[in-house]
Amino acid sequence: MKKVTMYTGDPCSFCEAAKALLKSKNVEIEELDIWKDPAKAKEMLQRTNGARTIPQIFVGDHYIGGNDKLQEANRTGELDKILNS
């Protein structure tokens, strides 16, 4: 299974929902808190072409987007394909 990187902050209910979904699939998450580490915030902006909302989620090098896109990918079955490809 591919590594998942998630740019987060605290408190963030959308981050918690995304983490809960990924944990339900036994996915290990590398969580990067952009509020505690300004360098990670800059990195997130570069990797997402300027997205400023959290969470921002990557599966390997595949950019998912935020929690809404993650949940949508899960509903359509696309998330499992991405995780296992």
Protein backbone atom coordinates (compact mmCIF):
# COMPACT_ATOMS: atom_id res chain seq x y z
CA MET A 1 0.00 0.00 0.00
CA LYS A 2 1.28 3.46 -0.85
CA LYS A 3 2.37 6.02 1.72
CA VAL A 4 -0.20 8.73 2.49
CA THR A 5 0.95 12.24 3.32
CA MET A 6 -1.59 14.61 4.83
CA TYR A 7 -1.05 18.29 5.52
CA THR A 8 -3.16 19.13 8.57
CA GLY A 9 -3.69 21.53 11.43
CA ASP A 10 -5.37 21.38 14.80
CA PRO A 11 -8.27 21.73 15.40
CA CYS A 12 -9.66 20.61 12.04
CA SER A 13 -12.81 18.48 11.78
CA PHE A 14 -12.19 17.82 8.07
CA CYS A 15 -8.70 16.51 8.93
CA GLU A 16 -10.19 14.23 11.57
CA ALA A 17 -12.76 12.86 9.09
CA ALA A 18 -10.04 12.17 6.52
CA LYS A 19 -7.82 10.47 9.11
CA ALA A 20 -10.73 8.33 10.33
CA LEU A 21 -11.46 7.12 6.79
CA LEU A 22 -7.82 6.29 6.08
CA LYS A 23 -7.37 4.56 9.44
CA SER A 24 -10.46 2.45 8.73
CA LYS A 25 -8.53 1.17 5.71
CA ASN A 26 -5.42 0.51 7.84
CA VAL A 27 -3.46 3.18 6.00
CA GLU A 28 -0.40 4.66 7.66
CA ILE A 29 -0.53 8.47 7.51
CA GLU A 30 2.41 10.84 7.57
CA GLU A 31 0.79 13.90 9.15
CA LEU A 32 2.41 17.30 8.61
CA ASP A 33 1.00 20.11 10.78
CA ILE A 34 1.24 23.32 8.75
CA TRP A 35 0.40 25.50 11.76
CA LYS A 36 3.32 24.20 13.79
CA ASP A 37 5.80 24.14 10.89
CA PRO A 38 5.69 27.10 8.46
CA ALA A 39 8.09 25.28 6.12
CA LYS A 40 5.48 22.52 5.70
CA ALA A 41 2.84 25.16 4.91
CA LYS A 42 5.06 26.50 2.13
CA GLU A 43 5.73 22.96 0.91
CA MET A 44 1.97 22.27 0.82
CA LEU A 45 1.31 25.40 -1.24
CA GLN A 46 3.96 24.35 -3.75
CA ARG A 47 2.79 20.74 -4.02
CA THR A 48 -0.88 21.70 -4.42
CA ASN A 49 -0.42 24.69 -6.74
CA GLY A 50 -1.66 27.08 -4.09
CA ALA A 51 -4.38 25.21 -2.20
CA ARG A 52 -4.71 26.81 1.24
CA THR A 53 -7.34 24.65 2.93
CA ILE A 54 -6.58 21.63 5.07
CA PRO A 55 -6.34 18.76 4.85
CA GLN A 56 -4.41 18.31 1.62
CA ILE A 57 -3.83 14.64 0.90
CA PHE A 58 -1.33 12.77 -1.25
CA VAL A 59 -1.20 9.03 -1.88
CA GLY A 60 2.36 8.47 -2.99
CA ASP A 61 2.81 11.24 -5.55
CA HIS A 62 -0.88 11.21 -6.50
CA TYR A 63 -2.61 14.40 -5.34
CA ILE A 64 -6.07 13.65 -3.96
CA GLY A 65 -7.04 17.10 -2.65
CA GLY A 66 -9.05 17.78 0.47
CA ASN A 67 -11.38 15.69 2.61
CA ASP A 68 -14.29 16.14 0.18
CA LYS A 69 -12.25 14.67 -2.68
CA LEU A 70 -11.01 11.85 -0.44
CA GLN A 71 -14.56 10.94 0.61
CA GLU A 72 -15.73 11.10 -3.03
CA ALA A 73 -12.86 8.85 -4.16
CA ASN A 74 -13.84 6.39 -1.44
CA ARG A 75 -17.51 6.37 -2.49
CA THR A 76 -16.61 5.66 -6.13
CA GLY A 77 -14.02 2.98 -5.30
CA GLU A 78 -11.23 5.08 -6.79
CA LEU A 79 -9.46 5.46 -3.43
CA ASP A 80 -8.88 1.70 -3.08
CA LYS A 81 -7.47 1.59 -6.62
CA ILE A 82 -5.09 4.46 -5.87
CA LEU A 83 -3.99 2.99 -2.53
CA ASN A 84 -3.26 -0.40 -4.03
CA SER A 85 -1.79 0.58 -7.39
